[in-house]
Amino acid sequence: MGYQEQFIAAQEKIKSLTERPGNQELLDLYALYKQATEGDNNTNEPGLFDVKEKFKWNQWNSKQGMTAEDAMREYVLLVDTLLSKYNHS
């Protein structure tokens, strides 16, 4: 299975979590997804009072220069880590 197929499969797997990951883990998922699908963050930085969007923007911006392939691979690894950490039967 190629990295794109693994990335798509990981997007489905993450929906099966039985517990909610921590905020930083969710930010990492978001940033890696955005970097993989859209590339470098070229959006305007949110205003000071939009705290949630500012955190998301900063996390995505921290992935600047990462290739889509590398972002997909890191996303898959993070999903696997979260599944083993948060899926309790």
C-alpha atoms as a PDB file:
ATOM      1  CA  MET A   1       0.000   0.000   0.000  1.00  0.00           C
ATOM      2  CA  GLY A   2       1.434   3.384  -1.008  1.00  0.00           C
ATOM      3  CA  TYR A   3       1.697   6.383   1.271  1.00  0.00           C
ATOM      4  CA  GLN A   4      -1.403   8.045  -0.240  1.00  0.00           C
ATOM      5  CA  GLU A   5      -3.508   4.946   0.362  1.00  0.00           C
ATOM      6  CA  GLN A   6      -2.166   4.696   3.922  1.00  0.00           C
ATOM      7  CA  PHE A   7      -3.004   8.378   4.454  1.00  0.00           C
ATOM      8  CA  ILE A   8      -6.577   7.867   3.258  1.00  0.00           C
ATOM      9  CA  ALA A   9      -6.949   4.736   5.405  1.00  0.00           C
ATOM     10  CA  ALA A  10      -5.585   6.610   8.444  1.00  0.00           C
ATOM     11  CA  GLN A  11      -8.251   9.299   7.997  1.00  0.00           C
ATOM     12  CA  GLU A  12     -10.891   6.601   8.358  1.00  0.00           C
ATOM     13  CA  LYS A  13      -9.142   4.804  11.226  1.00  0.00           C
ATOM     14  CA  ILE A  14      -8.918   7.950  13.349  1.00  0.00           C
ATOM     15  CA  LYS A  15     -12.724   8.095  13.429  1.00  0.00           C
ATOM     16  CA  SER A  16     -12.728   4.866  15.466  1.00  0.00           C
ATOM     17  CA  LEU A  17     -11.063   6.376  18.538  1.00  0.00           C
ATOM     18  CA  THR A  18     -12.914   5.580  21.718  1.00  0.00           C
ATOM     19  CA  GLU A  19     -11.337   8.482  23.637  1.00  0.00           C
ATOM     20  CA  ARG A  20     -10.601  12.049  22.579  1.00  0.00           C
ATOM     21  CA  PRO A  21      -6.895  12.813  22.071  1.00  0.00           C
ATOM     22  CA  GLY A  22      -5.302  15.769  23.812  1.00  0.00           C
ATOM     23  CA  ASN A  23      -5.393  19.247  22.309  1.00  0.00           C
ATOM     24  CA  GLN A  24      -1.772  19.125  21.148  1.00  0.00           C
ATOM     25  CA  GLU A  25      -2.355  15.777  19.452  1.00  0.00           C
ATOM     26  CA  LEU A  26      -5.419  17.163  17.689  1.00  0.00           C
ATOM     27  CA  LEU A  27      -3.427  20.202  16.574  1.00  0.00           C
ATOM     28  CA  ASP A  28      -0.713  17.917  15.205  1.00  0.00           C
ATOM     29  CA  LEU A  29      -3.301  15.888  13.273  1.00  0.00           C
ATOM     30  CA  TYR A  30      -4.798  19.061  11.871  1.00  0.00           C
ATOM     31  CA  ALA A  31      -1.437  20.546  10.851  1.00  0.00           C
ATOM     32  CA  LEU A  32      -0.170  17.368   9.211  1.00  0.00           C
ATOM     33  CA  TYR A  33      -3.465  16.927   7.345  1.00  0.00           C
ATOM     34  CA  LYS A  34      -3.389  20.513   6.083  1.00  0.00           C
ATOM     35  CA  GLN A  35       0.282  20.257   5.080  1.00  0.00           C
ATOM     36  CA  ALA A  36      -0.375  16.982   3.257  1.00  0.00           C
ATOM     37  CA  THR A  37      -3.433  18.231   1.407  1.00  0.00           C
ATOM     38  CA  GLU A  38      -2.743  21.946   0.891  1.00  0.00           C
ATOM     39  CA  GLY A  39       1.006  22.421   1.352  1.00  0.00           C
ATOM     40  CA  ASP A  40       2.578  25.377   3.120  1.00  0.00           C
ATOM     41  CA  ASN A  41       0.293  27.692   5.054  1.00  0.00           C
ATOM     42  CA  ASN A  42      -0.326  30.757   2.889  1.00  0.00           C
ATOM     43  CA  THR A  43      -3.394  31.970   4.761  1.00  0.00           C
ATOM     44  CA  ASN A  44      -3.576  35.151   6.786  1.00  0.00           C
ATOM     45  CA  GLU A  45      -2.761  34.803  10.461  1.00  0.00           C
ATOM     46  CA  PRO A  46      -5.951  34.939  12.570  1.00  0.00           C
ATOM     47  CA  GLY A  47      -6.522  37.846  14.891  1.00  0.00           C
ATOM     48  CA  LEU A  48      -5.403  37.861  18.488  1.00  0.00           C
ATOM     49  CA  PHE A  49      -8.903  37.178  19.815  1.00  0.00           C
ATOM     50  CA  ASP A  50      -9.527  34.081  17.695  1.00  0.00           C
ATOM     51  CA  VAL A  51      -7.467  31.868  19.988  1.00  0.00           C
ATOM     52  CA  LYS A  52      -8.519  28.452  18.636  1.00  0.00           C
ATOM     53  CA  GLU A  53      -7.840  29.415  15.014  1.00  0.00           C
ATOM     54  CA  LYS A  54      -4.558  31.053  16.026  1.00  0.00           C
ATOM     55  CA  PHE A  55      -3.346  27.780  17.604  1.00  0.00           C
ATOM     56  CA  LYS A  56      -4.366  25.835  14.508  1.00  0.00           C
ATOM     57  CA  TRP A  57      -2.697  28.377  12.200  1.00  0.00           C
ATOM     58  CA  ASN A  58       0.534  28.336  14.211  1.00  0.00           C
ATOM     59  CA  GLN A  59       0.679  24.531  14.246  1.00  0.00           C
ATOM     60  CA  TRP A  60       0.132  24.291  10.490  1.00  0.00           C
ATOM     61  CA  ASN A  61       2.658  27.077   9.918  1.00  0.00           C
ATOM     62  CA  SER A  62       5.223  25.075  11.937  1.00  0.00           C
ATOM     63  CA  LYS A  63       5.151  22.423   9.170  1.00  0.00           C
ATOM     64  CA  GLN A  64       6.363  24.965   6.565  1.00  0.00           C
ATOM     65  CA  GLY A  65       8.578  23.306   3.952  1.00  0.00           C
ATOM     66  CA  MET A  66       7.503  19.733   4.767  1.00  0.00           C
ATOM     67  CA  THR A  67       6.629  17.777   1.638  1.00  0.00           C
ATOM     68  CA  ALA A  68       3.137  16.378   1.207  1.00  0.00           C
ATOM     69  CA  GLU A  69       4.585  12.864   1.233  1.00  0.00           C
ATOM     70  CA  ASP A  70       6.407  13.448   4.544  1.00  0.00           C
ATOM     71  CA  ALA A  71       3.286  15.024   6.066  1.00  0.00           C
ATOM     72  CA  MET A  72       1.197  12.017   4.991  1.00  0.00           C
ATOM     73  CA  ARG A  73       3.710   9.609   6.495  1.00  0.00           C
ATOM     74  CA  GLU A  74       3.849  11.522   9.790  1.00  0.00           C
ATOM     75  CA  TYR A  75       0.049  11.682   9.866  1.00  0.00           C
ATOM     76  CA  VAL A  76      -0.176   7.893   9.441  1.00  0.00           C
ATOM     77  CA  LEU A  77       2.375   7.344  12.227  1.00  0.00           C
ATOM     78  CA  LEU A  78       0.532   9.744  14.532  1.00  0.00           C
ATOM     79  CA  VAL A  79      -2.809   8.033  13.851  1.00  0.00           C
ATOM     80  CA  ASP A  80      -1.264   4.654  14.661  1.00  0.00           C
ATOM     81  CA  THR A  81       0.139   6.076  17.912  1.00  0.00           C
ATOM     82  CA  LEU A  82      -3.206   7.612  18.873  1.00  0.00           C
ATOM     83  CA  LEU A  83      -5.086   4.405  18.076  1.00  0.00           C
ATOM     84  CA  SER A  84      -2.845   2.398  20.375  1.00  0.00           C
ATOM     85  CA  LYS A  85      -3.046   5.083  23.073  1.00  0.00           C
ATOM     86  CA  TYR A  86      -6.773   5.895  23.009  1.00  0.00           C
ATOM     87  CA  ASN A  87      -8.632   2.837  21.731  1.00  0.00           C
ATOM     88  CA  HIS A  88      -9.590   0.807  24.767  1.00  0.00           C
ATOM     89  CA  SER A  89     -11.961  -2.050  24.271  1.00  0.00           C
END
